[in-house]
Amino acid sequence: MKIFVTKSKEETQNLGLKLGKNAKPGMIFTLYGELGAGKTTLTQGIGKGLNINKTINSPTFNILKIYEGDLVLNHIDAYRLEGLDQDLGFEEQLDSNGLTVIEWPEYIENLIDDEYLEINIEINEDYSRTITIIPKGLEYEKFLKEIL
């Protein structure tokens, strides 16, 4: 587990940049945090690390957005899926050769494998962010040690 405190949007994006630059095909990053915590900001940095030139924004109304870069970025926002129990085809993205980033993963936990990178973002009183990264599985432990 690693803990970071970021004091600006740019610092949060820079952390995401490191994650994206070193991501491997098939990896899954889960992002937890309240509304406005910085999940999409971190994902924007991840996208920069993957050399994605398109603007990355929250897929809240689309649920899934796919971006082309060094790896395909599958950006899932599961916020609107709370209580929904039907097949939406996300298994294809989770099993792909791209990187899948899931905001609000608690609403589709049954689809996520046992191995992934859990990222928790908390807003502090001074509006900085505490970002806790927890590797789930040996591949992610190694990944975290190598890059941070």
C-alpha atoms as a PDB file:
ATOM      1  CA  MET A   1       0.000   0.000   0.000  1.00  0.00           C
ATOM      2  CA  LYS A   2       1.177   3.497  -0.839  1.00  0.00           C
ATOM      3  CA  ILE A   3      -0.316   6.785   0.343  1.00  0.00           C
ATOM      4  CA  PHE A   4       0.059  10.099  -1.473  1.00  0.00           C
ATOM      5  CA  VAL A   5      -1.195  13.589  -0.725  1.00  0.00           C
ATOM      6  CA  THR A   6      -1.798  15.793  -3.754  1.00  0.00           C
ATOM      7  CA  LYS A   7      -2.357  19.499  -3.340  1.00  0.00           C
ATOM      8  CA  SER A   8      -3.585  20.341  -6.838  1.00  0.00           C
ATOM      9  CA  LYS A   9      -5.304  18.961  -9.898  1.00  0.00           C
ATOM     10  CA  GLU A  10      -1.901  18.871 -11.619  1.00  0.00           C
ATOM     11  CA  GLU A  11      -0.336  16.773  -8.832  1.00  0.00           C
ATOM     12  CA  THR A  12      -3.247  14.315  -9.036  1.00  0.00           C
ATOM     13  CA  GLN A  13      -2.852  14.113 -12.820  1.00  0.00           C
ATOM     14  CA  ASN A  14       0.919  13.594 -12.457  1.00  0.00           C
ATOM     15  CA  LEU A  15       0.293  10.599 -10.198  1.00  0.00           C
ATOM     16  CA  GLY A  16      -2.096   9.260 -12.828  1.00  0.00           C
ATOM     17  CA  LEU A  17       0.549   9.878 -15.504  1.00  0.00           C
ATOM     18  CA  LYS A  18       2.970   7.547 -13.690  1.00  0.00           C
ATOM     19  CA  LEU A  19       0.286   4.889 -13.409  1.00  0.00           C
ATOM     20  CA  GLY A  20      -0.666   5.169 -17.073  1.00  0.00           C
ATOM     21  CA  LYS A  21       2.902   5.151 -18.411  1.00  0.00           C
ATOM     22  CA  ASN A  22       3.592   1.869 -16.663  1.00  0.00           C
ATOM     23  CA  ALA A  23       0.241   0.125 -17.103  1.00  0.00           C
ATOM     24  CA  LYS A  24       0.247  -3.286 -18.715  1.00  0.00           C
ATOM     25  CA  PRO A  25      -2.383  -4.818 -21.013  1.00  0.00           C
ATOM     26  CA  GLY A  26      -5.303  -6.338 -19.130  1.00  0.00           C
ATOM     27  CA  MET A  27      -4.809  -4.309 -15.936  1.00  0.00           C
ATOM     28  CA  ILE A  28      -7.772  -3.012 -13.950  1.00  0.00           C
ATOM     29  CA  PHE A  29      -7.702   0.099 -11.742  1.00  0.00           C
ATOM     30  CA  THR A  30     -10.684   0.700  -9.448  1.00  0.00           C
ATOM     31  CA  LEU A  31     -11.292   4.265  -8.249  1.00  0.00           C
ATOM     32  CA  TYR A  32     -13.211   4.912  -5.042  1.00  0.00           C
ATOM     33  CA  GLY A  33     -14.135   8.340  -3.721  1.00  0.00           C
ATOM     34  CA  GLU A  34     -17.065  10.652  -3.226  1.00  0.00           C
ATOM     35  CA  LEU A  35     -18.396  12.928  -5.956  1.00  0.00           C
ATOM     36  CA  GLY A  36     -15.761  15.531  -6.804  1.00  0.00           C
ATOM     37  CA  ALA A  37     -12.914  13.614  -5.143  1.00  0.00           C
ATOM     38  CA  GLY A  38     -10.776  13.552  -8.287  1.00  0.00           C
ATOM     39  CA  LYS A  39     -11.427  10.166  -9.884  1.00  0.00           C
ATOM     40  CA  THR A  40     -11.773  11.628 -13.383  1.00  0.00           C
ATOM     41  CA  THR A  41      -8.805  13.958 -12.788  1.00  0.00           C
ATOM     42  CA  LEU A  42      -6.640  10.945 -11.937  1.00  0.00           C
ATOM     43  CA  THR A  43      -7.981   9.152 -15.033  1.00  0.00           C
ATOM     44  CA  GLN A  44      -7.008  12.165 -17.172  1.00  0.00           C
ATOM     45  CA  GLY A  45      -3.444  11.731 -15.941  1.00  0.00           C
ATOM     46  CA  ILE A  46      -3.587   8.008 -16.674  1.00  0.00           C
ATOM     47  CA  GLY A  47      -4.695   8.886 -20.195  1.00  0.00           C
ATOM     48  CA  LYS A  48      -1.734  11.249 -20.618  1.00  0.00           C
ATOM     49  CA  GLY A  49       0.547   8.417 -19.547  1.00  0.00           C
ATOM     50  CA  LEU A  50      -0.996   6.270 -22.299  1.00  0.00           C
ATOM     51  CA  ASN A  51      -0.452   9.063 -24.877  1.00  0.00           C
ATOM     52  CA  ILE A  52      -4.170   9.602 -25.384  1.00  0.00           C
ATOM     53  CA  ASN A  53      -4.752  12.918 -27.125  1.00  0.00           C
ATOM     54  CA  LYS A  54      -8.533  13.120 -26.695  1.00  0.00           C
ATOM     55  CA  THR A  55     -10.087  14.947 -23.777  1.00  0.00           C
ATOM     56  CA  ILE A  56     -11.016  12.474 -21.049  1.00  0.00           C
ATOM     57  CA  ASN A  57     -14.120  13.373 -19.116  1.00  0.00           C
ATOM     58  CA  SER A  58     -16.476  11.496 -16.872  1.00  0.00           C
ATOM     59  CA  PRO A  59     -18.486   8.860 -18.729  1.00  0.00           C
ATOM     60  CA  THR A  60     -21.359   9.274 -16.240  1.00  0.00           C
ATOM     61  CA  PHE A  61     -24.079   9.462 -18.887  1.00  0.00           C
ATOM     62  CA  ASN A  62     -22.451   6.957 -21.265  1.00  0.00           C
ATOM     63  CA  ILE A  63     -21.208   4.538 -18.559  1.00  0.00           C
ATOM     64  CA  LEU A  64     -18.316   3.450 -20.826  1.00  0.00           C
ATOM     65  CA  LYS A  65     -15.901   5.468 -22.952  1.00  0.00           C
ATOM     66  CA  ILE A  66     -13.063   3.927 -24.939  1.00  0.00           C
ATOM     67  CA  TYR A  67      -9.934   5.904 -25.807  1.00  0.00           C
ATOM     68  CA  GLU A  68      -7.095   4.880 -28.136  1.00  0.00           C
ATOM     69  CA  GLY A  69      -3.497   5.364 -26.998  1.00  0.00           C
ATOM     70  CA  ASP A  70      -0.441   3.211 -26.342  1.00  0.00           C
ATOM     71  CA  LEU A  71      -3.030   0.928 -24.740  1.00  0.00           C
ATOM     72  CA  VAL A  72      -6.788   1.147 -25.173  1.00  0.00           C
ATOM     73  CA  LEU A  73      -8.297   2.860 -22.128  1.00  0.00           C
ATOM     74  CA  ASN A  74     -11.710   1.495 -21.123  1.00  0.00           C
ATOM     75  CA  HIS A  75     -13.135   4.144 -18.787  1.00  0.00           C
ATOM     76  CA  ILE A  76     -16.192   2.867 -16.918  1.00  0.00           C
ATOM     77  CA  ASP A  77     -18.345   4.955 -14.597  1.00  0.00           C
ATOM     78  CA  ALA A  78     -20.620   2.535 -12.761  1.00  0.00           C
ATOM     79  CA  TYR A  79     -22.365   5.216 -10.651  1.00  0.00           C
ATOM     80  CA  ARG A  80     -25.702   4.810 -12.445  1.00  0.00           C
ATOM     81  CA  LEU A  81     -25.555   1.005 -12.220  1.00  0.00           C
ATOM     82  CA  GLU A  82     -26.361   0.772  -8.507  1.00  0.00           C
ATOM     83  CA  GLY A  83     -28.928  -1.967  -8.024  1.00  0.00           C
ATOM     84  CA  LEU A  84     -28.939  -2.909 -11.718  1.00  0.00           C
ATOM     85  CA  ASP A  85     -28.639  -6.634 -12.266  1.00  0.00           C
ATOM     86  CA  GLN A  86     -28.229  -7.307 -15.955  1.00  0.00           C
ATOM     87  CA  ASP A  87     -25.475  -8.171 -18.397  1.00  0.00           C
ATOM     88  CA  LEU A  88     -24.012  -5.013 -19.921  1.00  0.00           C
ATOM     89  CA  GLY A  89     -21.056  -6.685 -21.628  1.00  0.00           C
ATOM     90  CA  PHE A  90     -18.361  -5.183 -19.409  1.00  0.00           C
ATOM     91  CA  GLU A  91     -16.657  -8.550 -19.134  1.00  0.00           C
ATOM     92  CA  GLU A  92     -15.245  -7.941 -22.633  1.00  0.00           C
ATOM     93  CA  GLN A  93     -13.558  -4.727 -21.472  1.00  0.00           C
ATOM     94  CA  LEU A  94     -12.294  -6.302 -18.277  1.00  0.00           C
ATOM     95  CA  ASP A  95     -10.760  -9.171 -20.247  1.00  0.00           C
ATOM     96  CA  SER A  96      -9.320  -6.952 -22.975  1.00  0.00           C
ATOM     97  CA  ASN A  97      -5.720  -6.133 -23.801  1.00  0.00           C
ATOM     98  CA  GLY A  98      -6.312  -2.563 -22.737  1.00  0.00           C
ATOM     99  CA  LEU A  99      -6.348  -0.838 -19.354  1.00  0.00           C
ATOM    100  CA  THR A 100      -9.711  -0.638 -17.636  1.00  0.00           C
ATOM    101  CA  VAL A 101     -10.344   2.173 -15.137  1.00  0.00           C
ATOM    102  CA  ILE A 102     -13.567   1.846 -13.160  1.00  0.00           C
ATOM    103  CA  GLU A 103     -15.108   4.720 -11.218  1.00  0.00           C
ATOM    104  CA  TRP A 104     -17.659   3.626  -8.591  1.00  0.00           C
ATOM    105  CA  PRO A 105     -16.584  -0.053  -8.822  1.00  0.00           C
ATOM    106  CA  GLU A 106     -18.659  -0.968  -5.782  1.00  0.00           C
ATOM    107  CA  TYR A 107     -21.689  -1.120  -8.101  1.00  0.00           C
ATOM    108  CA  ILE A 108     -20.181  -3.844 -10.334  1.00  0.00           C
ATOM    109  CA  GLU A 109     -17.915  -5.693  -7.883  1.00  0.00           C
ATOM    110  CA  ASN A 110     -19.279  -9.040  -9.060  1.00  0.00           C
ATOM    111  CA  LEU A 111     -17.650  -8.442 -12.473  1.00  0.00           C
ATOM    112  CA  ILE A 112     -14.173  -7.579 -11.172  1.00  0.00           C
ATOM    113  CA  ASP A 113     -11.530 -10.279 -10.726  1.00  0.00           C
ATOM    114  CA  ASP A 114      -9.686 -10.782  -7.459  1.00  0.00           C
ATOM    115  CA  GLU A 115      -6.603  -8.990  -8.848  1.00  0.00           C
ATOM    116  CA  TYR A 116      -6.650  -5.252  -9.537  1.00  0.00           C
ATOM    117  CA  LEU A 117      -5.244  -1.950  -8.301  1.00  0.00           C
ATOM    118  CA  GLU A 118      -7.555  -0.311  -5.762  1.00  0.00           C
ATOM    119  CA  ILE A 119      -7.264   3.475  -5.579  1.00  0.00           C
ATOM    120  CA  ASN A 120      -9.095   5.410  -2.854  1.00  0.00           C
ATOM    121  CA  ILE A 121      -9.303   9.206  -3.064  1.00  0.00           C
ATOM    122  CA  GLU A 122     -10.345  11.291  -0.070  1.00  0.00           C
ATOM    123  CA  ILE A 123     -10.886  15.050   0.070  1.00  0.00           C
ATOM    124  CA  ASN A 124      -9.062  16.616   3.026  1.00  0.00           C
ATOM    125  CA  GLU A 125     -10.180  19.689   4.997  1.00  0.00           C
ATOM    126  CA  ASP A 126      -7.657  21.847   3.110  1.00  0.00           C
ATOM    127  CA  TYR A 127      -9.010  20.466  -0.225  1.00  0.00           C
ATOM    128  CA  SER A 128      -5.875  18.425  -0.840  1.00  0.00           C
ATOM    129  CA  ARG A 129      -6.437  14.767  -1.682  1.00  0.00           C
ATOM    130  CA  THR A 130      -5.193  11.672   0.117  1.00  0.00           C
ATOM    131  CA  ILE A 131      -4.779   8.928  -2.447  1.00  0.00           C
ATOM    132  CA  THR A 132      -4.305   5.417  -1.104  1.00  0.00           C
ATOM    133  CA  ILE A 133      -3.223   2.776  -3.595  1.00  0.00           C
ATOM    134  CA  ILE A 134      -3.714  -0.855  -2.587  1.00  0.00           C
ATOM    135  CA  PRO A 135      -2.470  -3.642  -4.852  1.00  0.00           C
ATOM    136  CA  LYS A 136      -4.704  -6.703  -4.996  1.00  0.00           C
ATOM    137  CA  GLY A 137      -2.584  -9.590  -6.243  1.00  0.00           C
ATOM    138  CA  LEU A 138       1.096 -10.216  -6.960  1.00  0.00           C
ATOM    139  CA  GLU A 139       1.100  -8.550 -10.393  1.00  0.00           C
ATOM    140  CA  TYR A 140      -0.186  -5.322  -8.883  1.00  0.00           C
ATOM    141  CA  GLU A 141       2.190  -5.492  -5.900  1.00  0.00           C
ATOM    142  CA  LYS A 142       5.095  -5.735  -8.331  1.00  0.00           C
ATOM    143  CA  PHE A 143       3.627  -2.935 -10.485  1.00  0.00           C
ATOM    144  CA  LEU A 144       3.327  -0.591  -7.516  1.00  0.00           C
ATOM    145  CA  LYS A 145       6.867  -1.311  -6.278  1.00  0.00           C
ATOM    146  CA  GLU A 146       8.322  -0.686  -9.745  1.00  0.00           C
ATOM    147  CA  ILE A 147       6.734   2.691 -10.397  1.00  0.00           C
ATOM    148  CA  LEU A 148       6.250   4.468  -7.095  1.00  0.00           C
END
